[in-house]
Amino acid sequence: MKILIIKTGALGDVVRCTFIAQALKDKYKREKLEIYWLTSQLAKPMFNNNSYVAEVLVENKQSFSKLKKINFDLVINLEESKELSALVSELNTKKIQGFYMKNKKIIASETAKEWFDMSAVGPSPKNDILKIKNKKTHRQLMSEIIEVKDYKKYAPFIRLTQNQRTIANDFLRRHNLSRSDLIIGFNPSGGSGRWNKNLPIKKASWLIEKLYKKYNATIILLGGPNEIERNKEIIKITKAPIISAGCGNDLTEFPAIISVCSLVITTNSLALHLSLALKRKTIVMIGPTSPTEIGMYGLGKKVIANSKCVGCYKKSCKAIEKINEKQILNEVEGLI
């Protein structure tokens, strides 16, 4: 039995969908199952040690051509893009779950209609209303698309390679750290900038100082290419030692660095999903995105902004500025 999963972006969404391959292996355990996964070039390293996926293909013309020559039993497309939905309609498959193209329109399979209707390409303004009213986690919604009922058994799946373990150990040695130390990874920003997930710099600085003073914790400041200047400013004004992980780590290095942390405090971003996939204790700060969709898998806590705007998904949303940093400190106490 051959199954194709299409999930290419955003990076955090790819991570939190990785449970699907394991769920399908269990669902079709009586079959000789081969799972293919089509993803982006950036996301490919996250599958380097995934025993549930037989082959990972990068989103390009060469991969499209290869996929068109394979006879699939099931194609699962979790991308509402026209290009990928059109690709699905050209593939040889017995069944489609998710999205495909018909008469130049994106069509949702019966199991994917609920997710489609609340998505960015769903009928407006109904989609926004449904998104706000939604009470299901992302894991439950994806599981319903693939018709897996016991979804609570599964969590994002990433296993470090030996190379990544070496990177992690080198990081510890370089900074004179031990895995017995209290190491807190702190990711106060929100990645792509689609929504404002950036914790105000002064709040980030205050929190680092309190974590250092109260717990004698080692703070590793995390971030991506968009956070270079913000992180420089945080380091400049903070009166506590900070180890900067840098903002240029790729998807081989970034999970390795997160793996050395005892606890990760982060916005709803790639760092959150990697932390949970690596089974690290985690606190997530939530502002403009849905707190309901985020599952913590028994690994941590959500700190939700004290704002009526939470989960509005508006570009102008400033809910993240209303995060209570004292509440974060309290949650740290409970987790460590």
C-alpha atoms as a PDB file:
ATOM      1  CA  MET A   1       0.000   0.000   0.000  1.00  0.00           C
ATOM      2  CA  LYS A   2       1.429   3.357  -1.048  1.00  0.00           C
ATOM      3  CA  ILE A   3       0.424   6.616   0.646  1.00  0.00           C
ATOM      4  CA  LEU A   4       1.558  10.137  -0.209  1.00  0.00           C
ATOM      5  CA  ILE A   5       1.381  12.934   2.371  1.00  0.00           C
ATOM      6  CA  ILE A   6       1.743  16.502   1.127  1.00  0.00           C
ATOM      7  CA  LYS A   7       2.681  19.073   3.756  1.00  0.00           C
ATOM      8  CA  THR A   8       5.229  21.701   2.782  1.00  0.00           C
ATOM      9  CA  GLY A   9       4.842  24.715   5.093  1.00  0.00           C
ATOM     10  CA  ALA A  10       4.959  26.580   7.322  1.00  0.00           C
ATOM     11  CA  LEU A  11       7.860  24.849   9.052  1.00  0.00           C
ATOM     12  CA  GLY A  12       6.119  24.655  12.419  1.00  0.00           C
ATOM     13  CA  ASP A  13       3.037  23.197  10.765  1.00  0.00           C
ATOM     14  CA  VAL A  14       5.147  20.535   9.063  1.00  0.00           C
ATOM     15  CA  VAL A  15       6.567  19.553  12.466  1.00  0.00           C
ATOM     16  CA  ARG A  16       3.184  19.287  14.135  1.00  0.00           C
ATOM     17  CA  CYS A  17       1.878  17.141  11.259  1.00  0.00           C
ATOM     18  CA  THR A  18       4.670  14.584  11.576  1.00  0.00           C
ATOM     19  CA  PHE A  19       2.517  12.425  13.849  1.00  0.00           C
ATOM     20  CA  ILE A  20       0.391  11.538  10.815  1.00  0.00           C
ATOM     21  CA  ALA A  21       2.885   9.025   9.399  1.00  0.00           C
ATOM     22  CA  GLN A  22       2.960   7.090  12.673  1.00  0.00           C
ATOM     23  CA  ALA A  23      -0.828   7.188  12.946  1.00  0.00           C
ATOM     24  CA  LEU A  24      -1.190   5.803   9.418  1.00  0.00           C
ATOM     25  CA  LYS A  25       1.320   3.027  10.109  1.00  0.00           C
ATOM     26  CA  ASP A  26      -0.862   1.941  13.018  1.00  0.00           C
ATOM     27  CA  LYS A  27      -4.093   2.349  11.088  1.00  0.00           C
ATOM     28  CA  TYR A  28      -2.883   0.191   8.204  1.00  0.00           C
ATOM     29  CA  LYS A  29      -0.659  -2.126  10.238  1.00  0.00           C
ATOM     30  CA  ARG A  30      -1.919  -5.198   8.367  1.00  0.00           C
ATOM     31  CA  GLU A  31      -0.743  -3.697   5.083  1.00  0.00           C
ATOM     32  CA  LYS A  32       2.766  -3.513   3.673  1.00  0.00           C
ATOM     33  CA  LEU A  33       2.826   0.248   3.881  1.00  0.00           C
ATOM     34  CA  GLU A  34       5.097   2.726   2.082  1.00  0.00           C
ATOM     35  CA  ILE A  35       4.666   6.373   3.050  1.00  0.00           C
ATOM     36  CA  TYR A  36       6.005   9.139   0.823  1.00  0.00           C
ATOM     37  CA  TRP A  37       6.127  12.734   2.059  1.00  0.00           C
ATOM     38  CA  LEU A  38       6.324  15.796  -0.184  1.00  0.00           C
ATOM     39  CA  THR A  39       7.697  18.828   1.647  1.00  0.00           C
ATOM     40  CA  SER A  40       9.858  21.920   1.187  1.00  0.00           C
ATOM     41  CA  GLN A  41      13.627  21.949   0.873  1.00  0.00           C
ATOM     42  CA  LEU A  42      13.856  23.769   4.213  1.00  0.00           C
ATOM     43  CA  ALA A  43      11.731  21.198   6.019  1.00  0.00           C
ATOM     44  CA  LYS A  44      13.433  18.092   4.628  1.00  0.00           C
ATOM     45  CA  PRO A  45      16.063  17.768   7.439  1.00  0.00           C
ATOM     46  CA  MET A  46      13.263  17.212   9.941  1.00  0.00           C
ATOM     47  CA  PHE A  47      12.631  13.794   8.370  1.00  0.00           C
ATOM     48  CA  ASN A  48      16.266  12.629   8.416  1.00  0.00           C
ATOM     49  CA  ASN A  49      15.644  10.065  11.148  1.00  0.00           C
ATOM     50  CA  ASN A  50      11.949   9.359  10.670  1.00  0.00           C
ATOM     51  CA  SER A  51      11.450   5.610  10.457  1.00  0.00           C
ATOM     52  CA  TYR A  52       7.786   5.980   9.515  1.00  0.00           C
ATOM     53  CA  VAL A  53       8.469   7.705   6.185  1.00  0.00           C
ATOM     54  CA  ALA A  54       9.968   5.634   3.380  1.00  0.00           C
ATOM     55  CA  GLU A  55      10.879   8.535   1.105  1.00  0.00           C
ATOM     56  CA  VAL A  56      10.921  12.320   1.452  1.00  0.00           C
ATOM     57  CA  LEU A  57      10.613  14.357  -1.724  1.00  0.00           C
ATOM     58  CA  VAL A  58      11.278  18.061  -2.135  1.00  0.00           C
ATOM     59  CA  GLU A  59       8.660  20.257  -3.760  1.00  0.00           C
ATOM     60  CA  ASN A  60       9.951  20.744  -7.343  1.00  0.00           C
ATOM     61  CA  LYS A  61       9.214  19.693 -10.945  1.00  0.00           C
ATOM     62  CA  GLN A  62      11.433  16.632 -10.717  1.00  0.00           C
ATOM     63  CA  SER A  63       9.534  15.312  -7.694  1.00  0.00           C
ATOM     64  CA  PHE A  64       6.185  16.097  -9.330  1.00  0.00           C
ATOM     65  CA  SER A  65       7.209  14.085 -12.371  1.00  0.00           C
ATOM     66  CA  LYS A  66       8.290  11.151 -10.208  1.00  0.00           C
ATOM     67  CA  LEU A  67       5.049  11.152  -8.202  1.00  0.00           C
ATOM     68  CA  LYS A  68       2.955  11.066 -11.380  1.00  0.00           C
ATOM     69  CA  LYS A  69       4.546   7.710 -12.259  1.00  0.00           C
ATOM     70  CA  ILE A  70       3.563   6.048  -8.960  1.00  0.00           C
ATOM     71  CA  ASN A  71       0.243   4.339  -8.341  1.00  0.00           C
ATOM     72  CA  PHE A  72      -0.947   5.437  -4.907  1.00  0.00           C
ATOM     73  CA  ASP A  73      -3.681   3.927  -2.799  1.00  0.00           C
ATOM     74  CA  LEU A  74      -4.166   7.169  -0.879  1.00  0.00           C
ATOM     75  CA  VAL A  75      -3.010  10.767  -1.314  1.00  0.00           C
ATOM     76  CA  ILE A  76      -3.342  13.127   1.657  1.00  0.00           C
ATOM     77  CA  ASN A  77      -2.885  16.782   0.723  1.00  0.00           C
ATOM     78  CA  LEU A  78      -2.880  19.192   3.667  1.00  0.00           C
ATOM     79  CA  GLU A  79      -1.967  22.246   1.579  1.00  0.00           C
ATOM     80  CA  GLU A  80      -4.740  24.485   0.263  1.00  0.00           C
ATOM     81  CA  SER A  81      -2.513  25.851  -2.533  1.00  0.00           C
ATOM     82  CA  LYS A  82      -3.658  25.781  -6.151  1.00  0.00           C
ATOM     83  CA  GLU A  83      -0.394  24.295  -7.405  1.00  0.00           C
ATOM     84  CA  LEU A  84      -0.371  21.361  -5.000  1.00  0.00           C
ATOM     85  CA  SER A  85      -4.109  20.776  -5.273  1.00  0.00           C
ATOM     86  CA  ALA A  86      -3.699  20.668  -9.074  1.00  0.00           C
ATOM     87  CA  LEU A  87      -0.845  18.187  -8.668  1.00  0.00           C
ATOM     88  CA  VAL A  88      -3.063  15.909  -6.572  1.00  0.00           C
ATOM     89  CA  SER A  89      -5.693  15.894  -9.327  1.00  0.00           C
ATOM     90  CA  GLU A  90      -3.044  14.669 -11.789  1.00  0.00           C
ATOM     91  CA  LEU A  91      -1.786  11.798  -9.632  1.00  0.00           C
ATOM     92  CA  ASN A  92      -2.793   8.153  -9.984  1.00  0.00           C
ATOM     93  CA  THR A  93      -4.581   7.373  -6.734  1.00  0.00           C
ATOM     94  CA  LYS A  94      -7.554   5.382  -5.527  1.00  0.00           C
ATOM     95  CA  LYS A  95      -8.489   7.897  -2.834  1.00  0.00           C
ATOM     96  CA  ILE A  96      -7.856  11.530  -1.889  1.00  0.00           C
ATOM     97  CA  GLN A  97      -8.112  13.071   1.571  1.00  0.00           C
ATOM     98  CA  GLY A  98      -7.570  16.782   1.933  1.00  0.00           C
ATOM     99  CA  PHE A  99      -7.478  19.107  -1.051  1.00  0.00           C
ATOM    100  CA  TYR A 100      -7.540  18.727  -4.813  1.00  0.00           C
ATOM    101  CA  MET A 101      -8.479  20.784  -7.864  1.00  0.00           C
ATOM    102  CA  LYS A 102     -11.701  20.503  -9.854  1.00  0.00           C
ATOM    103  CA  ASN A 103     -12.934  22.953 -12.489  1.00  0.00           C
ATOM    104  CA  LYS A 104     -10.106  25.321 -11.486  1.00  0.00           C
ATOM    105  CA  LYS A 105     -11.364  25.423  -7.888  1.00  0.00           C
ATOM    106  CA  ILE A 106      -9.830  23.960  -4.728  1.00  0.00           C
ATOM    107  CA  ILE A 107     -12.085  21.213  -3.427  1.00  0.00           C
ATOM    108  CA  ALA A 108     -11.971  19.690   0.052  1.00  0.00           C
ATOM    109  CA  SER A 109     -12.625  16.010   0.588  1.00  0.00           C
ATOM    110  CA  GLU A 110     -15.557  15.227   2.873  1.00  0.00           C
ATOM    111  CA  THR A 111     -13.218  14.699   5.839  1.00  0.00           C
ATOM    112  CA  ALA A 112     -11.397  18.003   5.216  1.00  0.00           C
ATOM    113  CA  LYS A 113     -14.370  20.340   4.836  1.00  0.00           C
ATOM    114  CA  GLU A 114     -14.330  21.542   8.435  1.00  0.00           C
ATOM    115  CA  TRP A 115     -10.647  22.516   8.222  1.00  0.00           C
ATOM    116  CA  PHE A 116     -11.105  24.068   4.763  1.00  0.00           C
ATOM    117  CA  ASP A 117     -14.083  26.157   5.838  1.00  0.00           C
ATOM    118  CA  MET A 118     -12.043  27.839   8.600  1.00  0.00           C
ATOM    119  CA  SER A 119      -8.883  28.218   6.512  1.00  0.00           C
ATOM    120  CA  ALA A 120      -7.599  31.359   4.805  1.00  0.00           C
ATOM    121  CA  VAL A 121      -9.023  30.154   1.474  1.00  0.00           C
ATOM    122  CA  GLY A 122     -12.392  29.166   2.931  1.00  0.00           C
ATOM    123  CA  PRO A 123     -15.528  31.228   2.293  1.00  0.00           C
ATOM    124  CA  SER A 124     -15.135  34.681   3.872  1.00  0.00           C
ATOM    125  CA  PRO A 125     -16.190  35.988   6.413  1.00  0.00           C
ATOM    126  CA  LYS A 126     -17.522  32.614   7.561  1.00  0.00           C
ATOM    127  CA  ASN A 127     -13.975  31.220   7.751  1.00  0.00           C
ATOM    128  CA  ASP A 128     -12.880  33.793  10.341  1.00  0.00           C
ATOM    129  CA  ILE A 129     -15.970  33.185  12.469  1.00  0.00           C
ATOM    130  CA  LEU A 130     -15.455  29.415  12.406  1.00  0.00           C
ATOM    131  CA  LYS A 131     -11.761  29.804  13.223  1.00  0.00           C
ATOM    132  CA  ILE A 132     -12.565  31.841  16.334  1.00  0.00           C
ATOM    133  CA  LYS A 133     -15.309  29.451  17.437  1.00  0.00           C
ATOM    134  CA  ASN A 134     -13.234  26.300  16.867  1.00  0.00           C
ATOM    135  CA  LYS A 135     -12.741  24.137  19.980  1.00  0.00           C
ATOM    136  CA  LYS A 136     -10.638  21.385  18.435  1.00  0.00           C
ATOM    137  CA  THR A 137      -6.863  21.058  18.540  1.00  0.00           C
ATOM    138  CA  HIS A 138      -4.853  21.014  15.336  1.00  0.00           C
ATOM    139  CA  ARG A 139      -4.008  17.340  16.041  1.00  0.00           C
ATOM    140  CA  GLN A 140      -7.709  16.444  16.233  1.00  0.00           C
ATOM    141  CA  LEU A 141      -8.554  18.346  13.052  1.00  0.00           C
ATOM    142  CA  MET A 142      -5.751  16.682  11.079  1.00  0.00           C
ATOM    143  CA  SER A 143      -6.699  13.282  12.483  1.00  0.00           C
ATOM    144  CA  GLU A 144     -10.265  13.740  11.312  1.00  0.00           C
ATOM    145  CA  ILE A 145      -9.009  14.445   7.799  1.00  0.00           C
ATOM    146  CA  ILE A 146      -7.152  11.106   7.726  1.00  0.00           C
ATOM    147  CA  GLU A 147      -9.917   9.335   9.678  1.00  0.00           C
ATOM    148  CA  VAL A 148      -7.872   8.393  12.742  1.00  0.00           C
ATOM    149  CA  LYS A 149     -10.041   8.312  15.867  1.00  0.00           C
ATOM    150  CA  ASP A 150      -7.510   7.626  18.636  1.00  0.00           C
ATOM    151  CA  TYR A 151      -5.498  10.751  17.826  1.00  0.00           C
ATOM    152  CA  LYS A 152      -4.507  11.381  21.456  1.00  0.00           C
ATOM    153  CA  LYS A 153      -2.017   8.515  21.179  1.00  0.00           C
ATOM    154  CA  TYR A 154       0.167  10.528  18.817  1.00  0.00           C
ATOM    155  CA  ALA A 155       2.486  13.508  19.058  1.00  0.00           C
ATOM    156  CA  PRO A 156       4.856  15.330  16.678  1.00  0.00           C
ATOM    157  CA  PHE A 157       7.694  12.999  15.777  1.00  0.00           C
ATOM    158  CA  ILE A 158      11.330  14.057  15.463  1.00  0.00           C
ATOM    159  CA  ARG A 159      14.323  11.922  16.363  1.00  0.00           C
ATOM    160  CA  LEU A 160      17.780  13.469  16.295  1.00  0.00           C
ATOM    161  CA  THR A 161      20.431  11.973  14.045  1.00  0.00           C
ATOM    162  CA  GLN A 162      23.883  11.121  15.352  1.00  0.00           C
ATOM    163  CA  ASN A 163      25.162  14.269  13.667  1.00  0.00           C
ATOM    164  CA  GLN A 164      22.609  16.368  15.552  1.00  0.00           C
ATOM    165  CA  ARG A 165      23.565  14.718  18.835  1.00  0.00           C
ATOM    166  CA  THR A 166      27.160  15.677  18.114  1.00  0.00           C
ATOM    167  CA  ILE A 167      26.086  19.275  17.444  1.00  0.00           C
ATOM    168  CA  ALA A 168      24.199  19.318  20.756  1.00  0.00           C
ATOM    169  CA  ASN A 169      27.145  17.931  22.715  1.00  0.00           C
ATOM    170  CA  ASP A 170      29.530  20.383  21.052  1.00  0.00           C
ATOM    171  CA  PHE A 171      27.222  23.241  22.040  1.00  0.00           C
ATOM    172  CA  LEU A 172      27.224  22.101  25.666  1.00  0.00           C
ATOM    173  CA  ARG A 173      30.993  21.723  25.730  1.00  0.00           C
ATOM    174  CA  ARG A 174      31.603  25.068  24.038  1.00  0.00           C
ATOM    175  CA  HIS A 175      29.564  26.862  26.699  1.00  0.00           C
ATOM    176  CA  ASN A 176      30.815  24.752  29.621  1.00  0.00           C
ATOM    177  CA  LEU A 177      27.355  23.307  30.290  1.00  0.00           C
ATOM    178  CA  SER A 178      26.077  19.965  31.532  1.00  0.00           C
ATOM    179  CA  ARG A 179      22.730  18.287  30.915  1.00  0.00           C
ATOM    180  CA  SER A 180      22.210  18.361  34.678  1.00  0.00           C
ATOM    181  CA  ASP A 181      22.153  22.194  34.580  1.00  0.00           C
ATOM    182  CA  LEU A 182      18.886  24.094  34.419  1.00  0.00           C
ATOM    183  CA  ILE A 183      19.020  25.320  30.824  1.00  0.00           C
ATOM    184  CA  ILE A 184      16.120  27.439  29.594  1.00  0.00           C
ATOM    185  CA  GLY A 185      15.703  28.064  25.893  1.00  0.00           C
ATOM    186  CA  PHE A 186      13.956  31.399  25.389  1.00  0.00           C
ATOM    187  CA  ASN A 187      12.358  32.248  22.053  1.00  0.00           C
ATOM    188  CA  PRO A 188      10.536  35.580  22.513  1.00  0.00           C
ATOM    189  CA  SER A 189       9.766  36.241  18.844  1.00  0.00           C
ATOM    190  CA  GLY A 190       7.422  34.930  16.226  1.00  0.00           C
ATOM    191  CA  GLY A 191       9.276  33.994  13.078  1.00  0.00           C
ATOM    192  CA  SER A 192       7.744  34.916   9.727  1.00  0.00           C
ATOM    193  CA  GLY A 193       6.008  38.121  10.774  1.00  0.00           C
ATOM    194  CA  ARG A 194       2.630  37.071   9.339  1.00  0.00           C
ATOM    195  CA  TRP A 195       1.173  37.957  12.728  1.00  0.00           C
ATOM    196  CA  ASN A 196       2.761  39.901  15.569  1.00  0.00           C
ATOM    197  CA  LYS A 197       3.983  37.227  17.981  1.00  0.00           C
ATOM    198  CA  ASN A 198       6.924  39.243  19.302  1.00  0.00           C
ATOM    199  CA  LEU A 199       7.030  39.608  23.070  1.00  0.00           C
ATOM    200  CA  PRO A 200       7.997  43.238  23.822  1.00  0.00           C
ATOM    201  CA  ILE A 201      11.753  43.563  24.300  1.00  0.00           C
ATOM    202  CA  LYS A 202      11.450  45.020  27.806  1.00  0.00           C
ATOM    203  CA  LYS A 203       9.241  42.130  28.928  1.00  0.00           C
ATOM    204  CA  ALA A 204      11.676  39.633  27.436  1.00  0.00           C
ATOM    205  CA  SER A 205      14.579  41.288  29.254  1.00  0.00           C
ATOM    206  CA  TRP A 206      12.693  41.395  32.578  1.00  0.00           C
ATOM    207  CA  LEU A 207      11.820  37.728  32.307  1.00  0.00           C
ATOM    208  CA  ILE A 208      15.407  36.676  31.580  1.00  0.00           C
ATOM    209  CA  GLU A 209      16.674  38.630  34.594  1.00  0.00           C
ATOM    210  CA  LYS A 210      14.078  37.045  36.893  1.00  0.00           C
ATOM    211  CA  LEU A 211      14.758  33.520  35.610  1.00  0.00           C
ATOM    212  CA  TYR A 212      18.458  33.971  36.168  1.00  0.00           C
ATOM    213  CA  LYS A 213      18.078  35.516  39.616  1.00  0.00           C
ATOM    214  CA  LYS A 214      15.402  33.139  40.937  1.00  0.00           C
ATOM    215  CA  TYR A 215      16.649  29.837  39.509  1.00  0.00           C
ATOM    216  CA  ASN A 216      20.289  30.517  38.588  1.00  0.00           C
ATOM    217  CA  ALA A 217      19.238  29.256  35.178  1.00  0.00           C
ATOM    218  CA  THR A 218      21.338  29.325  32.032  1.00  0.00           C
ATOM    219  CA  ILE A 219      19.382  31.242  29.404  1.00  0.00           C
ATOM    220  CA  ILE A 220      19.846  30.399  25.734  1.00  0.00           C
ATOM    221  CA  LEU A 221      18.343  33.082  23.504  1.00  0.00           C
ATOM    222  CA  LEU A 222      16.786  31.526  20.399  1.00  0.00           C
ATOM    223  CA  GLY A 223      15.662  33.121  17.176  1.00  0.00           C
ATOM    224  CA  GLY A 224      15.659  33.086  13.401  1.00  0.00           C
ATOM    225  CA  PRO A 225      16.861  35.444  10.649  1.00  0.00           C
ATOM    226  CA  ASN A 226      14.100  37.973  11.372  1.00  0.00           C
ATOM    227  CA  GLU A 227      15.133  38.296  15.024  1.00  0.00           C
ATOM    228  CA  ILE A 228      18.768  39.389  14.651  1.00  0.00           C
ATOM    229  CA  GLU A 229      18.272  43.019  15.685  1.00  0.00           C
ATOM    230  CA  ARG A 230      15.670  42.212  18.362  1.00  0.00           C
ATOM    231  CA  ASN A 231      17.939  39.670  20.004  1.00  0.00           C
ATOM    232  CA  LYS A 232      20.878  42.070  19.921  1.00  0.00           C
ATOM    233  CA  GLU A 233      18.743  44.648  21.747  1.00  0.00           C
ATOM    234  CA  ILE A 234      17.593  42.091  24.334  1.00  0.00           C
ATOM    235  CA  ILE A 235      21.195  41.112  25.075  1.00  0.00           C
ATOM    236  CA  LYS A 236      22.225  44.773  25.264  1.00  0.00           C
ATOM    237  CA  ILE A 237      19.678  45.861  27.871  1.00  0.00           C
ATOM    238  CA  THR A 238      19.477  42.691  29.977  1.00  0.00           C
ATOM    239  CA  LYS A 239      21.420  42.626  33.249  1.00  0.00           C
ATOM    240  CA  ALA A 240      21.918  38.884  33.287  1.00  0.00           C
ATOM    241  CA  PRO A 241      24.196  36.536  31.337  1.00  0.00           C
ATOM    242  CA  ILE A 242      22.719  35.241  28.087  1.00  0.00           C
ATOM    243  CA  ILE A 243      24.018  32.631  25.682  1.00  0.00           C
ATOM    244  CA  SER A 244      23.010  33.556  22.149  1.00  0.00           C
ATOM    245  CA  ALA A 245      22.296  30.551  19.971  1.00  0.00           C
ATOM    246  CA  GLY A 246      22.511  32.815  16.937  1.00  0.00           C
ATOM    247  CA  CYS A 247      19.806  33.464  14.380  1.00  0.00           C
ATOM    248  CA  GLY A 248      21.214  31.582  11.412  1.00  0.00           C
ATOM    249  CA  ASN A 249      20.741  27.983  12.484  1.00  0.00           C
ATOM    250  CA  ASP A 250      19.341  25.617   9.877  1.00  0.00           C
ATOM    251  CA  LEU A 251      16.850  22.809  10.465  1.00  0.00           C
ATOM    252  CA  THR A 252      19.662  20.445  11.362  1.00  0.00           C
ATOM    253  CA  GLU A 253      21.215  22.756  13.971  1.00  0.00           C
ATOM    254  CA  PHE A 254      18.115  24.359  15.503  1.00  0.00           C
ATOM    255  CA  PRO A 255      16.521  21.117  16.827  1.00  0.00           C
ATOM    256  CA  ALA A 256      19.922  20.047  18.177  1.00  0.00           C
ATOM    257  CA  ILE A 257      20.224  23.267  20.192  1.00  0.00           C
ATOM    258  CA  ILE A 258      16.662  22.988  21.505  1.00  0.00           C
ATOM    259  CA  SER A 259      17.424  19.430  22.606  1.00  0.00           C
ATOM    260  CA  VAL A 260      19.968  20.639  25.198  1.00  0.00           C
ATOM    261  CA  CYS A 261      17.297  22.666  27.012  1.00  0.00           C
ATOM    262  CA  SER A 262      15.569  21.524  30.187  1.00  0.00           C
ATOM    263  CA  LEU A 263      12.693  23.898  29.466  1.00  0.00           C
ATOM    264  CA  VAL A 264      11.700  26.034  26.483  1.00  0.00           C
ATOM    265  CA  ILE A 265       9.714  29.275  26.754  1.00  0.00           C
ATOM    266  CA  THR A 266       8.506  30.342  23.344  1.00  0.00           C
ATOM    267  CA  THR A 267       5.892  32.026  21.241  1.00  0.00           C
ATOM    268  CA  ASN A 268       3.656  29.982  18.934  1.00  0.00           C
ATOM    269  CA  SER A 269       6.376  29.368  16.369  1.00  0.00           C
ATOM    270  CA  LEU A 270       8.718  26.721  14.993  1.00  0.00           C
ATOM    271  CA  ALA A 271      10.550  26.605  18.338  1.00  0.00           C
ATOM    272  CA  LEU A 272       7.310  25.548  20.057  1.00  0.00           C
ATOM    273  CA  HIS A 273       6.657  22.615  17.749  1.00  0.00           C
ATOM    274  CA  LEU A 274      10.277  21.448  17.792  1.00  0.00           C
ATOM    275  CA  SER A 275      10.358  21.620  21.584  1.00  0.00           C
ATOM    276  CA  LEU A 276       7.207  19.505  21.876  1.00  0.00           C
ATOM    277  CA  ALA A 277       8.406  17.044  19.227  1.00  0.00           C
ATOM    278  CA  LEU A 278      11.647  16.641  21.192  1.00  0.00           C
ATOM    279  CA  LYS A 279       9.581  16.125  24.365  1.00  0.00           C
ATOM    280  CA  ARG A 280      10.966  19.133  26.214  1.00  0.00           C
ATOM    281  CA  LYS A 281       9.029  20.857  28.975  1.00  0.00           C
ATOM    282  CA  THR A 282       7.494  23.854  27.270  1.00  0.00           C
ATOM    283  CA  ILE A 283       5.690  27.105  28.005  1.00  0.00           C
ATOM    284  CA  VAL A 284       4.035  28.793  25.047  1.00  0.00           C
ATOM    285  CA  MET A 285       3.013  32.467  24.973  1.00  0.00           C
ATOM    286  CA  ILE A 286      -0.106  32.975  22.857  1.00  0.00           C
ATOM    287  CA  GLY A 287      -1.395  36.201  21.337  1.00  0.00           C
ATOM    288  CA  PRO A 288      -2.919  36.531  17.859  1.00  0.00           C
ATOM    289  CA  THR A 289      -3.317  32.807  17.116  1.00  0.00           C
ATOM    290  CA  SER A 290      -5.745  30.209  18.440  1.00  0.00           C
ATOM    291  CA  PRO A 291      -4.935  28.850  21.916  1.00  0.00           C
ATOM    292  CA  THR A 292      -7.400  26.023  21.310  1.00  0.00           C
ATOM    293  CA  GLU A 293      -5.542  24.556  18.339  1.00  0.00           C
ATOM    294  CA  ILE A 294      -2.299  24.209  20.284  1.00  0.00           C
ATOM    295  CA  GLY A 295      -1.834  20.890  22.049  1.00  0.00           C
ATOM    296  CA  MET A 296       0.818  20.540  24.766  1.00  0.00           C
ATOM    297  CA  TYR A 297       0.876  16.712  24.908  1.00  0.00           C
ATOM    298  CA  GLY A 298       1.260  16.799  28.685  1.00  0.00           C
ATOM    299  CA  LEU A 299       4.596  18.598  28.378  1.00  0.00           C
ATOM    300  CA  GLY A 300       3.793  22.112  29.523  1.00  0.00           C
ATOM    301  CA  LYS A 301       1.535  25.114  29.834  1.00  0.00           C
ATOM    302  CA  LYS A 302      -0.075  27.825  27.765  1.00  0.00           C
ATOM    303  CA  VAL A 303       0.195  31.450  28.875  1.00  0.00           C
ATOM    304  CA  ILE A 304      -2.522  33.326  27.038  1.00  0.00           C
ATOM    305  CA  ALA A 305      -2.451  37.094  26.646  1.00  0.00           C
ATOM    306  CA  ASN A 306      -4.972  39.051  28.730  1.00  0.00           C
ATOM    307  CA  SER A 307      -6.647  40.487  25.667  1.00  0.00           C
ATOM    308  CA  LYS A 308     -10.008  40.163  23.917  1.00  0.00           C
ATOM    309  CA  CYS A 309      -8.039  40.029  20.672  1.00  0.00           C
ATOM    310  CA  VAL A 310      -6.502  36.592  21.375  1.00  0.00           C
ATOM    311  CA  GLY A 311      -6.967  34.287  18.396  1.00  0.00           C
ATOM    312  CA  CYS A 312      -8.167  37.044  16.079  1.00  0.00           C
ATOM    313  CA  TYR A 313      -5.504  36.304  13.415  1.00  0.00           C
ATOM    314  CA  LYS A 314      -5.370  39.967  12.451  1.00  0.00           C
ATOM    315  CA  LYS A 315      -2.064  41.389  11.235  1.00  0.00           C
ATOM    316  CA  SER A 316      -2.670  44.431  13.420  1.00  0.00           C
ATOM    317  CA  CYS A 317      -3.201  42.329  16.583  1.00  0.00           C
ATOM    318  CA  LYS A 318      -1.194  43.462  19.614  1.00  0.00           C
ATOM    319  CA  ALA A 319      -2.455  40.817  22.036  1.00  0.00           C
ATOM    320  CA  ILE A 320       1.057  39.433  22.623  1.00  0.00           C
ATOM    321  CA  GLU A 321       1.907  42.714  24.395  1.00  0.00           C
ATOM    322  CA  LYS A 322      -0.612  41.754  27.109  1.00  0.00           C
ATOM    323  CA  ILE A 323       1.232  38.585  28.123  1.00  0.00           C
ATOM    324  CA  ASN A 324       1.658  38.442  31.910  1.00  0.00           C
ATOM    325  CA  GLU A 325       5.349  37.721  32.468  1.00  0.00           C
ATOM    326  CA  LYS A 326       4.729  36.978  36.165  1.00  0.00           C
ATOM    327  CA  GLN A 327       2.401  34.174  35.134  1.00  0.00           C
ATOM    328  CA  ILE A 328       5.230  32.708  33.070  1.00  0.00           C
ATOM    329  CA  LEU A 329       7.449  32.703  36.160  1.00  0.00           C
ATOM    330  CA  ASN A 330       4.733  30.888  38.091  1.00  0.00           C
ATOM    331  CA  GLU A 331       4.415  28.246  35.368  1.00  0.00           C
ATOM    332  CA  VAL A 332       8.196  27.738  35.379  1.00  0.00           C
ATOM    333  CA  GLU A 333       7.984  26.998  39.119  1.00  0.00           C
ATOM    334  CA  GLY A 334       5.471  24.242  38.476  1.00  0.00           C
ATOM    335  CA  LEU A 335       7.397  22.657  35.623  1.00  0.00           C
ATOM    336  CA  ILE A 336      10.852  22.473  37.181  1.00  0.00           C
END
